[in-house]
Amino acid sequence: MSATQPLSHTRADEAFDCLQTAIITGELAPGEKIGELELCSRFNLTRGPLREALGRLESRGLLVRRPHAGVKVVSVSAEELMELYRIREVMEGLAARQAAERMTDQEIRDLQATLDSHEKMIDEAQGQAYYQAEGDYDFHHRIATGSRNAKLAQMLLGDLYYMVRMYRYRLSTSAGRPHRALGEHRHIVEAIAQRDGELAEFLMKRHINAARQNIEEKIQEGVLTI
């Protein structure tokens, strides 16, 4: 039995990664009802790993289970999404300030290298998308952990992080937004490298405020539906 556990674990991880990516990119849309048989067929998954993956996605707040209604992809109203972005603006601004004070020089160089890889990815997508995998490859994740503020990072990287990623990706496909967002990220890192916490906080708050305003415009134009 022990010989099969790593394989089962690997398949569960693959199912989890597959479904999480589908949720983040909108292939599984917010509010969409999902069933095990359909998911197995659609994503070429087996029932055991799928069920484990669904449980993990539910614990991350990306899926919701309702009695007699089954499982759905999480969704929020436009008003709730705007409130989430206002919360992010304050919290990530503080994270950027503390990252400027507490990140090591090597961590800053690694962050700059991450943005270089992001630029290559955007160019490969012909400027049409800016998809960041979670964890160290995600700019905002690195800033949160670099703040060395465990409570702040816990709040930013919990359910809030995974829910917001759904809408960050959908926004990143707006015309011109990938390159603008990357430029904003670079300016924030420059402020962090200069150990200017006040400027880093200001730039991060402005960056997230711009993203929120962009979402509001897309909703009003009917381009982005919530």
C-alpha atoms as a PDB file:
ATOM      1  CA  MET A   1       0.000   0.000   0.000  1.00  0.00           C
ATOM      2  CA  SER A   2       2.810   2.399   0.844  1.00  0.00           C
ATOM      3  CA  ALA A   3       4.170   2.010  -2.669  1.00  0.00           C
ATOM      4  CA  THR A   4       0.990   3.442  -4.127  1.00  0.00           C
ATOM      5  CA  GLN A   5       0.664   6.428  -1.789  1.00  0.00           C
ATOM      6  CA  PRO A   6       3.108   8.745  -3.598  1.00  0.00           C
ATOM      7  CA  LEU A   7       1.336   8.030  -6.899  1.00  0.00           C
ATOM      8  CA  SER A   8      -2.076   8.757  -5.375  1.00  0.00           C
ATOM      9  CA  HIS A   9      -0.714  11.908  -3.770  1.00  0.00           C
ATOM     10  CA  THR A  10       0.790  13.033  -7.072  1.00  0.00           C
ATOM     11  CA  ARG A  11      -2.465  12.479  -8.913  1.00  0.00           C
ATOM     12  CA  ALA A  12      -4.360  14.422  -6.251  1.00  0.00           C
ATOM     13  CA  ASP A  13      -1.882  17.278  -6.569  1.00  0.00           C
ATOM     14  CA  GLU A  14      -2.249  17.239 -10.343  1.00  0.00           C
ATOM     15  CA  ALA A  15      -6.045  17.286 -10.032  1.00  0.00           C
ATOM     16  CA  PHE A  16      -5.818  20.157  -7.557  1.00  0.00           C
ATOM     17  CA  ASP A  17      -3.461  22.188  -9.767  1.00  0.00           C
ATOM     18  CA  CYS A  18      -5.599  21.518 -12.831  1.00  0.00           C
ATOM     19  CA  LEU A  19      -8.848  22.611 -11.202  1.00  0.00           C
ATOM     20  CA  GLN A  20      -7.359  25.587  -9.387  1.00  0.00           C
ATOM     21  CA  THR A  21      -5.907  26.881 -12.652  1.00  0.00           C
ATOM     22  CA  ALA A  22      -9.278  26.370 -14.342  1.00  0.00           C
ATOM     23  CA  ILE A  23     -10.942  28.438 -11.608  1.00  0.00           C
ATOM     24  CA  ILE A  24      -8.313  31.198 -11.667  1.00  0.00           C
ATOM     25  CA  THR A  25      -8.428  31.547 -15.459  1.00  0.00           C
ATOM     26  CA  GLY A  26     -12.219  31.414 -15.595  1.00  0.00           C
ATOM     27  CA  GLU A  27     -12.477  28.116 -17.444  1.00  0.00           C
ATOM     28  CA  LEU A  28     -14.587  27.155 -14.450  1.00  0.00           C
ATOM     29  CA  ALA A  29     -16.575  30.346 -14.038  1.00  0.00           C
ATOM     30  CA  PRO A  30     -17.593  32.010 -10.745  1.00  0.00           C
ATOM     31  CA  GLY A  31     -20.899  30.565  -9.606  1.00  0.00           C
ATOM     32  CA  GLU A  32     -20.670  27.582 -11.963  1.00  0.00           C
ATOM     33  CA  LYS A  33     -22.127  24.385 -10.540  1.00  0.00           C
ATOM     34  CA  ILE A  34     -19.802  21.433 -10.903  1.00  0.00           C
ATOM     35  CA  GLY A  35     -20.253  17.684 -10.612  1.00  0.00           C
ATOM     36  CA  GLU A  36     -17.714  14.925 -10.155  1.00  0.00           C
ATOM     37  CA  LEU A  37     -18.629  12.968 -13.278  1.00  0.00           C
ATOM     38  CA  GLU A  38     -18.477  16.063 -15.452  1.00  0.00           C
ATOM     39  CA  LEU A  39     -15.116  17.099 -14.026  1.00  0.00           C
ATOM     40  CA  CYS A  40     -13.660  13.620 -14.496  1.00  0.00           C
ATOM     41  CA  SER A  41     -14.676  13.665 -18.129  1.00  0.00           C
ATOM     42  CA  ARG A  42     -13.784  17.278 -18.810  1.00  0.00           C
ATOM     43  CA  PHE A  43     -10.332  17.218 -17.226  1.00  0.00           C
ATOM     44  CA  ASN A  44      -9.488  13.518 -17.582  1.00  0.00           C
ATOM     45  CA  LEU A  45      -9.429  12.912 -13.833  1.00  0.00           C
ATOM     46  CA  THR A  46     -10.281   9.916 -11.639  1.00  0.00           C
ATOM     47  CA  ARG A  47     -12.717  10.021  -8.721  1.00  0.00           C
ATOM     48  CA  GLY A  48     -10.305   9.499  -5.784  1.00  0.00           C
ATOM     49  CA  PRO A  49      -7.810  12.278  -6.593  1.00  0.00           C
ATOM     50  CA  LEU A  50     -10.676  14.515  -7.719  1.00  0.00           C
ATOM     51  CA  ARG A  51     -12.466  14.269  -4.390  1.00  0.00           C
ATOM     52  CA  GLU A  52      -9.294  15.126  -2.491  1.00  0.00           C
ATOM     53  CA  ALA A  53      -8.703  18.083  -4.794  1.00  0.00           C
ATOM     54  CA  LEU A  54     -12.269  19.333  -4.318  1.00  0.00           C
ATOM     55  CA  GLY A  55     -11.815  19.215  -0.558  1.00  0.00           C
ATOM     56  CA  ARG A  56      -8.635  21.275  -0.759  1.00  0.00           C
ATOM     57  CA  LEU A  57     -10.256  23.809  -3.082  1.00  0.00           C
ATOM     58  CA  GLU A  58     -13.188  24.102  -0.695  1.00  0.00           C
ATOM     59  CA  SER A  59     -10.808  24.718   2.221  1.00  0.00           C
ATOM     60  CA  ARG A  60      -9.186  27.520   0.208  1.00  0.00           C
ATOM     61  CA  GLY A  61     -12.541  29.154  -0.321  1.00  0.00           C
ATOM     62  CA  LEU A  62     -12.557  28.612  -4.081  1.00  0.00           C
ATOM     63  CA  LEU A  63     -15.477  26.182  -3.940  1.00  0.00           C
ATOM     64  CA  VAL A  64     -18.621  26.379  -1.822  1.00  0.00           C
ATOM     65  CA  ARG A  65     -20.868  23.468  -0.904  1.00  0.00           C
ATOM     66  CA  ARG A  66     -24.562  24.097  -0.244  1.00  0.00           C
ATOM     67  CA  PRO A  67     -27.075  21.540   1.100  1.00  0.00           C
ATOM     68  CA  HIS A  68     -29.220  20.162  -1.747  1.00  0.00           C
ATOM     69  CA  ALA A  69     -27.425  22.485  -4.189  1.00  0.00           C
ATOM     70  CA  GLY A  70     -24.121  20.685  -4.708  1.00  0.00           C
ATOM     71  CA  VAL A  71     -20.757  22.354  -5.238  1.00  0.00           C
ATOM     72  CA  LYS A  72     -20.199  25.674  -6.983  1.00  0.00           C
ATOM     73  CA  VAL A  73     -17.233  27.843  -7.821  1.00  0.00           C
ATOM     74  CA  VAL A  74     -17.139  30.729  -5.377  1.00  0.00           C
ATOM     75  CA  SER A  75     -18.474  34.061  -6.572  1.00  0.00           C
ATOM     76  CA  VAL A  76     -18.741  37.535  -5.095  1.00  0.00           C
ATOM     77  CA  SER A  77     -20.879  40.536  -5.955  1.00  0.00           C
ATOM     78  CA  ALA A  78     -19.338  43.616  -7.555  1.00  0.00           C
ATOM     79  CA  GLU A  79     -19.722  45.466  -4.263  1.00  0.00           C
ATOM     80  CA  GLU A  80     -17.970  42.692  -2.327  1.00  0.00           C
ATOM     81  CA  LEU A  81     -15.131  42.621  -4.849  1.00  0.00           C
ATOM     82  CA  MET A  82     -14.604  46.374  -4.522  1.00  0.00           C
ATOM     83  CA  GLU A  83     -14.454  46.002  -0.744  1.00  0.00           C
ATOM     84  CA  LEU A  84     -11.874  43.221  -1.101  1.00  0.00           C
ATOM     85  CA  TYR A  85      -9.717  45.547  -3.207  1.00  0.00           C
ATOM     86  CA  ARG A  86     -10.035  48.358  -0.670  1.00  0.00           C
ATOM     87  CA  ILE A  87      -8.856  45.948   2.020  1.00  0.00           C
ATOM     88  CA  ARG A  88      -5.963  44.834  -0.191  1.00  0.00           C
ATOM     89  CA  GLU A  89      -4.968  48.438  -0.832  1.00  0.00           C
ATOM     90  CA  VAL A  90      -4.388  49.134   2.851  1.00  0.00           C
ATOM     91  CA  MET A  91      -2.911  45.772   3.810  1.00  0.00           C
ATOM     92  CA  GLU A  92      -0.578  45.366   0.844  1.00  0.00           C
ATOM     93  CA  GLY A  93       0.537  48.965   1.192  1.00  0.00           C
ATOM     94  CA  LEU A  94       1.695  48.132   4.713  1.00  0.00           C
ATOM     95  CA  ALA A  95       3.318  44.930   3.457  1.00  0.00           C
ATOM     96  CA  ALA A  96       5.318  46.891   0.856  1.00  0.00           C
ATOM     97  CA  ARG A  97       6.453  49.401   3.491  1.00  0.00           C
ATOM     98  CA  GLN A  98       7.648  46.640   5.804  1.00  0.00           C
ATOM     99  CA  ALA A  99       9.227  44.700   2.918  1.00  0.00           C
ATOM    100  CA  ALA A 100      11.347  47.773   2.170  1.00  0.00           C
ATOM    101  CA  GLU A 101      12.509  47.710   5.778  1.00  0.00           C
ATOM    102  CA  ARG A 102      12.955  43.953   6.207  1.00  0.00           C
ATOM    103  CA  MET A 103      13.672  42.109   2.938  1.00  0.00           C
ATOM    104  CA  THR A 104      17.256  41.014   2.464  1.00  0.00           C
ATOM    105  CA  ASP A 105      19.284  42.246  -0.501  1.00  0.00           C
ATOM    106  CA  GLN A 106      19.201  38.728  -1.960  1.00  0.00           C
ATOM    107  CA  GLU A 107      15.408  38.563  -1.638  1.00  0.00           C
ATOM    108  CA  ILE A 108      15.126  41.842  -3.506  1.00  0.00           C
ATOM    109  CA  ARG A 109      17.401  40.556  -6.274  1.00  0.00           C
ATOM    110  CA  ASP A 110      15.273  37.405  -6.474  1.00  0.00           C
ATOM    111  CA  LEU A 111      12.144  39.552  -6.720  1.00  0.00           C
ATOM    112  CA  GLN A 112      13.675  41.557  -9.550  1.00  0.00           C
ATOM    113  CA  ALA A 113      14.560  38.298 -11.319  1.00  0.00           C
ATOM    114  CA  THR A 114      10.957  37.138 -10.884  1.00  0.00           C
ATOM    115  CA  LEU A 115       9.750  40.276 -12.644  1.00  0.00           C
ATOM    116  CA  ASP A 116      12.209  39.613 -15.470  1.00  0.00           C
ATOM    117  CA  SER A 117      10.597  36.191 -15.919  1.00  0.00           C
ATOM    118  CA  HIS A 118       7.165  37.825 -15.828  1.00  0.00           C
ATOM    119  CA  GLU A 119       8.209  40.155 -18.632  1.00  0.00           C
ATOM    120  CA  LYS A 120       9.233  37.188 -20.791  1.00  0.00           C
ATOM    121  CA  MET A 121       5.901  35.514 -20.101  1.00  0.00           C
ATOM    122  CA  ILE A 122       3.956  38.646 -21.054  1.00  0.00           C
ATOM    123  CA  ASP A 123       5.966  38.961 -24.265  1.00  0.00           C
ATOM    124  CA  GLU A 124       5.269  35.314 -25.105  1.00  0.00           C
ATOM    125  CA  ALA A 125       1.571  36.043 -24.600  1.00  0.00           C
ATOM    126  CA  GLN A 126       1.985  39.036 -26.934  1.00  0.00           C
ATOM    127  CA  GLY A 127       1.019  41.387 -24.138  1.00  0.00           C
ATOM    128  CA  GLN A 128      -2.426  39.830 -23.758  1.00  0.00           C
ATOM    129  CA  ALA A 129      -2.125  38.216 -20.310  1.00  0.00           C
ATOM    130  CA  TYR A 130      -0.201  38.390 -17.049  1.00  0.00           C
ATOM    131  CA  TYR A 131      -0.726  35.089 -15.244  1.00  0.00           C
ATOM    132  CA  GLN A 132       1.314  34.553 -12.083  1.00  0.00           C
ATOM    133  CA  ALA A 133       1.484  31.124 -10.531  1.00  0.00           C
ATOM    134  CA  GLU A 134       0.953  31.123  -6.783  1.00  0.00           C
ATOM    135  CA  GLY A 135       3.721  31.223  -4.223  1.00  0.00           C
ATOM    136  CA  ASP A 136       7.194  32.589  -4.901  1.00  0.00           C
ATOM    137  CA  TYR A 137       6.387  33.219  -8.575  1.00  0.00           C
ATOM    138  CA  ASP A 138       3.648  35.662  -7.532  1.00  0.00           C
ATOM    139  CA  PHE A 139       4.817  39.238  -6.973  1.00  0.00           C
ATOM    140  CA  HIS A 140       2.202  40.005  -4.324  1.00  0.00           C
ATOM    141  CA  HIS A 141       2.918  36.755  -2.473  1.00  0.00           C
ATOM    142  CA  ARG A 142       6.614  37.635  -2.266  1.00  0.00           C
ATOM    143  CA  ILE A 143       5.879  41.109  -0.919  1.00  0.00           C
ATOM    144  CA  ALA A 144       3.577  39.686   1.754  1.00  0.00           C
ATOM    145  CA  THR A 145       6.146  37.141   2.947  1.00  0.00           C
ATOM    146  CA  GLY A 146       8.945  39.695   2.611  1.00  0.00           C
ATOM    147  CA  SER A 147       7.172  41.983   5.074  1.00  0.00           C
ATOM    148  CA  ARG A 148       8.241  39.583   7.861  1.00  0.00           C
ATOM    149  CA  ASN A 149       4.867  40.335   9.451  1.00  0.00           C
ATOM    150  CA  ALA A 150       3.385  36.911  10.137  1.00  0.00           C
ATOM    151  CA  LYS A 151      -0.104  38.141  11.011  1.00  0.00           C
ATOM    152  CA  LEU A 152      -0.290  40.404   7.976  1.00  0.00           C
ATOM    153  CA  ALA A 153       0.966  37.652   5.668  1.00  0.00           C
ATOM    154  CA  GLN A 154      -1.536  35.216   7.160  1.00  0.00           C
ATOM    155  CA  MET A 155      -4.405  37.582   6.322  1.00  0.00           C
ATOM    156  CA  LEU A 156      -3.135  38.425   2.848  1.00  0.00           C
ATOM    157  CA  LEU A 157      -2.292  34.847   1.867  1.00  0.00           C
ATOM    158  CA  GLY A 158      -5.392  33.130   3.222  1.00  0.00           C
ATOM    159  CA  ASP A 159      -8.807  33.002   1.547  1.00  0.00           C
ATOM    160  CA  LEU A 160      -8.422  36.618   0.413  1.00  0.00           C
ATOM    161  CA  TYR A 161      -5.385  35.725  -1.695  1.00  0.00           C
ATOM    162  CA  TYR A 162      -6.993  32.853  -3.573  1.00  0.00           C
ATOM    163  CA  MET A 163     -10.284  34.615  -4.196  1.00  0.00           C
ATOM    164  CA  VAL A 164      -8.636  37.783  -5.467  1.00  0.00           C
ATOM    165  CA  ARG A 165      -6.389  35.775  -7.812  1.00  0.00           C
ATOM    166  CA  MET A 166      -9.502  34.818  -9.784  1.00  0.00           C
ATOM    167  CA  TYR A 167     -10.221  38.435 -10.576  1.00  0.00           C
ATOM    168  CA  ARG A 168      -6.599  39.539 -10.912  1.00  0.00           C
ATOM    169  CA  TYR A 169      -6.207  37.148 -13.821  1.00  0.00           C
ATOM    170  CA  ARG A 170      -9.400  38.250 -15.542  1.00  0.00           C
ATOM    171  CA  LEU A 171      -8.311  41.875 -15.193  1.00  0.00           C
ATOM    172  CA  SER A 172      -4.807  41.108 -16.465  1.00  0.00           C
ATOM    173  CA  THR A 173      -6.195  40.155 -19.875  1.00  0.00           C
ATOM    174  CA  SER A 174      -7.476  43.703 -20.448  1.00  0.00           C
ATOM    175  CA  ALA A 175      -5.788  45.470 -23.350  1.00  0.00           C
ATOM    176  CA  GLY A 176      -2.536  47.095 -22.249  1.00  0.00           C
ATOM    177  CA  ARG A 177      -2.946  46.101 -18.608  1.00  0.00           C
ATOM    178  CA  PRO A 178      -0.214  43.395 -18.460  1.00  0.00           C
ATOM    179  CA  HIS A 179       2.593  45.789 -19.379  1.00  0.00           C
ATOM    180  CA  ARG A 180       1.199  48.572 -17.168  1.00  0.00           C
ATOM    181  CA  ALA A 181       0.929  46.228 -14.205  1.00  0.00           C
ATOM    182  CA  LEU A 182       4.477  44.973 -14.736  1.00  0.00           C
ATOM    183  CA  GLY A 183       5.749  48.555 -14.866  1.00  0.00           C
ATOM    184  CA  GLU A 184       3.959  49.321 -11.606  1.00  0.00           C
ATOM    185  CA  HIS A 185       5.506  46.221 -10.040  1.00  0.00           C
ATOM    186  CA  ARG A 186       8.990  47.333 -11.105  1.00  0.00           C
ATOM    187  CA  HIS A 187       8.535  50.787  -9.584  1.00  0.00           C
ATOM    188  CA  ILE A 188       7.450  49.208  -6.286  1.00  0.00           C
ATOM    189  CA  VAL A 189      10.534  46.972  -6.256  1.00  0.00           C
ATOM    190  CA  GLU A 190      12.764  49.962  -7.011  1.00  0.00           C
ATOM    191  CA  ALA A 191      11.364  51.715  -3.942  1.00  0.00           C
ATOM    192  CA  ILE A 192      11.910  48.583  -1.855  1.00  0.00           C
ATOM    193  CA  ALA A 193      15.490  48.289  -3.129  1.00  0.00           C
ATOM    194  CA  GLN A 194      16.067  51.918  -2.123  1.00  0.00           C
ATOM    195  CA  ARG A 195      14.692  51.059   1.347  1.00  0.00           C
ATOM    196  CA  ASP A 196      12.079  53.783   0.914  1.00  0.00           C
ATOM    197  CA  GLY A 197       9.152  52.295   2.818  1.00  0.00           C
ATOM    198  CA  GLU A 198       6.957  55.361   2.461  1.00  0.00           C
ATOM    199  CA  LEU A 199       7.302  55.381  -1.325  1.00  0.00           C
ATOM    200  CA  ALA A 200       6.855  51.606  -1.573  1.00  0.00           C
ATOM    201  CA  GLU A 201       3.604  51.849   0.397  1.00  0.00           C
ATOM    202  CA  PHE A 202       2.345  54.738  -1.735  1.00  0.00           C
ATOM    203  CA  LEU A 203       3.139  52.937  -4.998  1.00  0.00           C
ATOM    204  CA  MET A 204       1.553  49.673  -3.877  1.00  0.00           C
ATOM    205  CA  LYS A 205      -1.631  51.407  -2.760  1.00  0.00           C
ATOM    206  CA  ARG A 206      -1.780  53.314  -6.046  1.00  0.00           C
ATOM    207  CA  HIS A 207      -1.201  50.077  -7.979  1.00  0.00           C
ATOM    208  CA  ILE A 208      -4.101  48.271  -6.309  1.00  0.00           C
ATOM    209  CA  ASN A 209      -6.328  51.335  -6.488  1.00  0.00           C
ATOM    210  CA  ALA A 210      -5.705  51.466 -10.242  1.00  0.00           C
ATOM    211  CA  ALA A 211      -6.638  47.797 -10.524  1.00  0.00           C
ATOM    212  CA  ARG A 212      -9.853  48.415  -8.578  1.00  0.00           C
ATOM    213  CA  GLN A 213     -10.792  51.366 -10.789  1.00  0.00           C
ATOM    214  CA  ASN A 214     -10.064  49.270 -13.865  1.00  0.00           C
ATOM    215  CA  ILE A 215     -12.399  46.548 -12.594  1.00  0.00           C
ATOM    216  CA  GLU A 216     -15.136  49.086 -11.903  1.00  0.00           C
ATOM    217  CA  GLU A 217     -14.817  50.426 -15.445  1.00  0.00           C
ATOM    218  CA  LYS A 218     -14.936  46.947 -16.970  1.00  0.00           C
ATOM    219  CA  ILE A 219     -18.035  46.079 -14.946  1.00  0.00           C
ATOM    220  CA  GLN A 220     -19.773  49.303 -16.005  1.00  0.00           C
ATOM    221  CA  GLU A 221     -18.856  48.662 -19.639  1.00  0.00           C
ATOM    222  CA  GLY A 222     -20.202  45.132 -19.411  1.00  0.00           C
ATOM    223  CA  VAL A 223     -16.824  43.701 -20.393  1.00  0.00           C
ATOM    224  CA  LEU A 224     -16.321  42.027 -17.011  1.00  0.00           C
ATOM    225  CA  THR A 225     -19.266  40.225 -15.470  1.00  0.00           C
ATOM    226  CA  ILE A 226     -19.335  39.296 -11.801  1.00  0.00           C
END
